[in-house]
Amino acid sequence: MNEIVVIDYGVGNLLSVKRGLEYCGAKAIITSKPEDIINATKIILPGVGAFKNAMQSLESLGLVKAIQEVANRKINLLGICLGMQLLLDESDEFGLTKGLGLIPGRVVAIPPKNNEGMTNKIPHIGWSELINPEEKHWNEGILKTVETGDSYYFIHSYMALTNNNKYTIAYCLYGSEKIPAVIQRDRIIGCQFHPEKSGEVGLKILREFCES
């Protein structure tokens, strides 16, 4: 059975992730021990809440260096929602805070108004369709089973902007705002949406991660 280490640092919805992994035939090992992370072959970093608090929690548990070490060893790592944002260099949320620095970029607030001057309701809550940027390929990797029209559940007020478009492999539209929905650098992947809360289409993505 596939064993997936799920990092417990006090800000993640662990039960739904655990259930989703078990549904996909994997064994979820929920831990806050650095040694468990260092010895893992696949890791999920979940998260809900504020970037600054999350990084403080990871630091206090001694998990930052452990996560960076396994990422540098090309271990499969999936960040979900806030966990995705933590993969970037820094965030503006509640003051500038340094992130894990695994994917170049910065986390910024979703603009309160779109380009047409219309108000964006914040936070972005609900179901949004994944859109394939030009010249990206979904025929392999975590999105290879995603079909046109598949929608996923989002709930967030900030978005993860990568420094290079090549790291953004899917986005969604919120009004006229393009929000990065899936980012990837090597084997480090982030999903802004919650695959574990997105029904069968979300479980397909979890299954691809488990079997990758």
Protein backbone atom coordinates (compact mmCIF):
# COMPACT_ATOMS: atom_id res chain seq x y z
CA MET A 1 0.00 0.00 0.00
CA ASN A 2 1.19 3.51 -0.84
CA GLU A 3 2.16 5.42 2.29
CA ILE A 4 1.62 9.18 2.18
CA VAL A 5 2.98 11.37 4.98
CA VAL A 6 0.53 14.16 5.83
CA ILE A 7 2.17 16.98 7.77
CA ASP A 8 0.34 17.97 10.95
CA TYR A 9 1.29 21.48 12.06
CA GLY A 10 -1.99 22.55 13.59
CA VAL A 11 -3.57 24.38 10.65
CA GLY A 12 -4.71 21.64 8.28
CA ASN A 13 -7.97 19.82 7.65
CA LEU A 14 -6.34 16.46 8.27
CA LEU A 15 -9.39 14.22 8.56
CA SER A 16 -10.77 14.95 5.09
CA VAL A 17 -7.31 14.52 3.54
CA LYS A 18 -6.86 11.23 5.38
CA ARG A 19 -10.24 9.94 4.23
CA GLY A 20 -9.54 10.99 0.66
CA LEU A 21 -6.21 9.16 0.61
CA GLU A 22 -7.74 6.03 2.13
CA TYR A 23 -10.49 6.10 -0.50
CA CYS A 24 -7.72 6.11 -3.11
CA GLY A 25 -6.15 3.03 -1.52
CA ALA A 26 -3.28 4.79 0.23
CA LYS A 27 -2.25 4.81 3.87
CA ALA A 28 -2.11 8.27 5.47
CA ILE A 29 0.59 8.76 8.09
CA ILE A 30 -0.25 11.96 9.97
CA THR A 31 2.81 13.33 11.72
CA SER A 32 4.56 16.42 13.03
CA LYS A 33 7.95 14.68 13.41
CA PRO A 34 10.79 15.92 11.19
CA GLU A 35 12.28 12.42 10.96
CA ASP A 36 9.05 11.04 9.49
CA ILE A 37 9.10 13.72 6.82
CA ILE A 38 12.77 13.19 5.98
CA ASN A 39 12.16 9.44 5.53
CA ALA A 40 8.97 9.84 3.47
CA THR A 41 8.57 9.01 -0.22
CA LYS A 42 5.43 11.13 -0.73
CA ILE A 43 4.28 14.10 1.32
CA ILE A 44 1.16 16.25 1.55
CA LEU A 45 1.27 19.70 3.16
CA PRO A 46 -2.35 20.72 3.84
CA GLY A 47 -3.39 24.01 5.36
CA VAL A 48 -6.12 26.49 6.14
CA GLY A 49 -5.77 29.91 7.75
CA ALA A 50 -3.09 32.59 7.64
CA PHE A 51 0.32 32.27 6.01
CA LYS A 52 2.24 33.91 8.86
CA ASN A 53 0.75 31.68 11.54
CA ALA A 54 1.39 28.59 9.43
CA MET A 55 5.07 29.41 8.91
CA GLN A 56 5.49 30.12 12.62
CA SER A 57 3.97 26.74 13.40
CA LEU A 58 6.25 24.94 10.92
CA GLU A 59 9.27 26.74 12.40
CA SER A 60 8.33 25.93 15.99
CA LEU A 61 8.03 22.22 15.14
CA GLY A 62 11.34 22.14 13.29
CA LEU A 63 9.63 21.21 10.02
CA VAL A 64 10.85 23.92 7.64
CA LYS A 65 14.30 22.42 7.07
CA ALA A 66 12.85 18.91 6.88
CA ILE A 67 10.43 19.93 4.12
CA GLN A 68 13.14 21.81 2.23
CA GLU A 69 15.47 18.82 2.49
CA VAL A 70 13.02 16.32 1.00
CA ALA A 71 12.04 18.80 -1.73
CA ASN A 72 15.68 19.15 -2.72
CA ARG A 73 15.88 15.34 -2.94
CA LYS A 74 13.03 15.39 -5.51
CA ILE A 75 10.53 13.67 -3.20
CA ASN A 76 6.90 14.02 -4.36
CA LEU A 77 5.35 16.89 -2.41
CA LEU A 78 1.79 18.20 -2.72
CA GLY A 79 0.67 21.43 -1.05
CA ILE A 80 -3.08 21.98 -0.69
CA CYS A 81 -4.70 25.44 -0.35
CA LEU A 82 -2.58 27.32 2.22
CA GLY A 83 -0.08 24.47 1.86
CA MET A 84 0.34 25.47 -1.80
CA GLN A 85 0.96 29.11 -0.88
CA LEU A 86 3.62 28.11 1.65
CA LEU A 87 5.67 26.61 -1.18
CA LEU A 88 6.45 30.10 -2.51
CA ASP A 89 9.12 32.57 -1.43
CA GLU A 90 6.98 34.98 0.56
CA SER A 91 3.51 36.33 1.34
CA ASP A 92 2.02 39.78 1.90
CA GLU A 93 -0.62 38.43 4.31
CA PHE A 94 -0.46 40.27 7.68
CA GLY A 95 2.94 41.68 6.80
CA LEU A 96 5.73 40.25 4.65
CA THR A 97 6.51 36.67 5.71
CA LYS A 98 9.13 34.34 4.25
CA GLY A 99 7.82 31.03 2.86
CA LEU A 100 9.48 27.69 2.12
CA GLY A 101 11.09 29.00 -1.06
CA LEU A 102 10.48 25.86 -3.13
CA ILE A 103 8.72 27.54 -6.07
CA PRO A 104 9.75 31.11 -7.00
CA GLY A 105 6.90 33.53 -6.42
CA ARG A 106 4.85 35.59 -4.01
CA VAL A 107 1.45 35.26 -2.34
CA VAL A 108 -0.75 38.35 -2.70
CA ALA A 109 -4.34 39.28 -1.89
CA ILE A 110 -7.03 38.67 -4.50
CA PRO A 111 -7.79 42.19 -5.79
CA PRO A 112 -11.01 43.64 -4.33
CA LYS A 113 -11.96 44.86 -7.81
CA ASN A 114 -11.41 43.35 -11.23
CA ASN A 115 -10.09 45.09 -14.35
CA GLU A 116 -13.59 46.34 -15.19
CA GLY A 117 -14.01 47.94 -11.79
CA MET A 118 -16.48 45.32 -10.59
CA THR A 119 -16.17 44.13 -6.99
CA ASN A 120 -14.68 40.71 -6.33
CA LYS A 121 -16.32 39.00 -3.39
CA ILE A 122 -13.60 38.02 -0.94
CA PRO A 123 -12.91 35.27 -0.06
CA HIS A 124 -13.28 33.30 -3.26
CA ILE A 125 -15.57 30.46 -2.16
CA GLY A 126 -17.12 27.87 -4.41
CA TRP A 127 -16.61 25.73 -7.48
CA SER A 128 -14.39 26.89 -10.35
CA GLU A 129 -13.28 25.21 -13.54
CA LEU A 130 -9.61 24.52 -14.20
CA ILE A 131 -8.31 26.20 -17.34
CA ASN A 132 -5.29 24.97 -19.28
CA PRO A 133 -2.77 27.72 -20.14
CA GLU A 134 -1.32 27.71 -23.62
CA GLU A 135 1.39 25.15 -24.36
CA LYS A 136 0.85 23.27 -21.12
CA HIS A 137 0.41 19.52 -21.22
CA TRP A 138 -2.01 17.63 -19.00
CA ASN A 139 -1.43 14.26 -20.65
CA GLU A 140 0.76 13.22 -17.78
CA GLY A 141 1.19 14.04 -14.11
CA ILE A 142 -1.38 15.00 -11.52
CA LEU A 143 -3.82 16.60 -14.00
CA LYS A 144 -3.82 13.93 -16.69
CA THR A 145 -7.37 12.76 -15.83
CA VAL A 146 -8.82 16.31 -15.69
CA GLU A 147 -11.44 16.92 -18.37
CA THR A 148 -12.86 20.11 -19.84
CA GLY A 149 -15.56 21.41 -17.52
CA ASP A 150 -14.25 19.72 -14.36
CA SER A 151 -14.70 22.09 -11.40
CA TYR A 152 -13.06 22.06 -8.00
CA TYR A 153 -13.81 23.58 -4.60
CA PHE A 154 -11.92 26.75 -3.66
CA ILE A 155 -11.92 28.80 -0.48
CA HIS A 156 -9.21 31.47 -0.17
CA SER A 157 -8.52 35.19 -0.01
CA TYR A 158 -4.92 35.16 -1.28
CA MET A 159 -3.39 33.75 -4.45
CA ALA A 160 0.01 32.33 -5.34
CA LEU A 161 1.71 34.19 -8.21
CA THR A 162 4.76 32.40 -9.58
CA ASN A 163 7.70 34.36 -10.96
CA ASN A 164 7.63 32.36 -14.18
CA ASN A 165 4.50 31.28 -16.07
CA LYS A 166 6.04 27.88 -16.70
CA TYR A 167 5.35 26.98 -13.07
CA THR A 168 1.59 27.66 -13.40
CA ILE A 169 0.04 24.63 -15.09
CA ALA A 170 -3.62 25.52 -14.46
CA TYR A 171 -5.63 28.53 -13.41
CA CYS A 172 -9.25 29.42 -12.74
CA LEU A 173 -11.23 32.55 -13.51
CA TYR A 174 -12.79 34.49 -10.66
CA GLY A 175 -14.69 37.17 -12.48
CA SER A 176 -12.00 38.36 -14.85
CA GLU A 177 -9.17 37.53 -12.43
CA LYS A 178 -6.84 34.69 -13.44
CA ILE A 179 -6.01 32.80 -10.24
CA PRO A 180 -3.26 30.16 -10.29
CA ALA A 181 -4.98 26.88 -9.41
CA VAL A 182 -2.14 24.38 -9.85
CA ILE A 183 1.56 25.16 -9.75
CA GLN A 184 4.48 22.80 -10.19
CA ARG A 185 8.26 22.77 -10.15
CA ASP A 186 9.81 19.35 -10.70
CA ARG A 187 8.04 17.07 -8.20
CA ILE A 188 6.75 19.92 -6.04
CA ILE A 189 3.06 20.56 -6.75
CA GLY A 190 0.49 22.93 -5.29
CA CYS A 191 -3.30 22.93 -5.60
CA GLN A 192 -5.12 26.09 -4.52
CA PHE A 193 -8.39 24.16 -4.40
CA HIS A 194 -9.24 21.27 -2.07
CA PRO A 195 -9.12 17.99 -4.02
CA GLU A 196 -10.30 16.11 -0.93
CA LYS A 197 -13.47 18.25 -0.86
CA SER A 198 -14.12 18.25 -4.61
CA GLY A 199 -15.94 14.96 -5.02
CA GLU A 200 -14.90 12.35 -7.57
CA VAL A 201 -12.96 14.79 -9.77
CA GLY A 202 -10.86 15.79 -6.78
CA LEU A 203 -10.27 12.20 -5.75
CA LYS A 204 -8.96 11.50 -9.26
CA ILE A 205 -6.24 14.07 -8.63
CA LEU A 206 -5.39 12.58 -5.25
CA ARG A 207 -5.25 9.16 -6.87
CA GLU A 208 -2.81 10.39 -9.49
CA PHE A 209 -0.57 11.77 -6.74
CA CYS A 210 -0.73 8.49 -4.84
CA GLU A 211 0.14 6.46 -7.90
CA SER A 212 2.77 8.81 -9.35
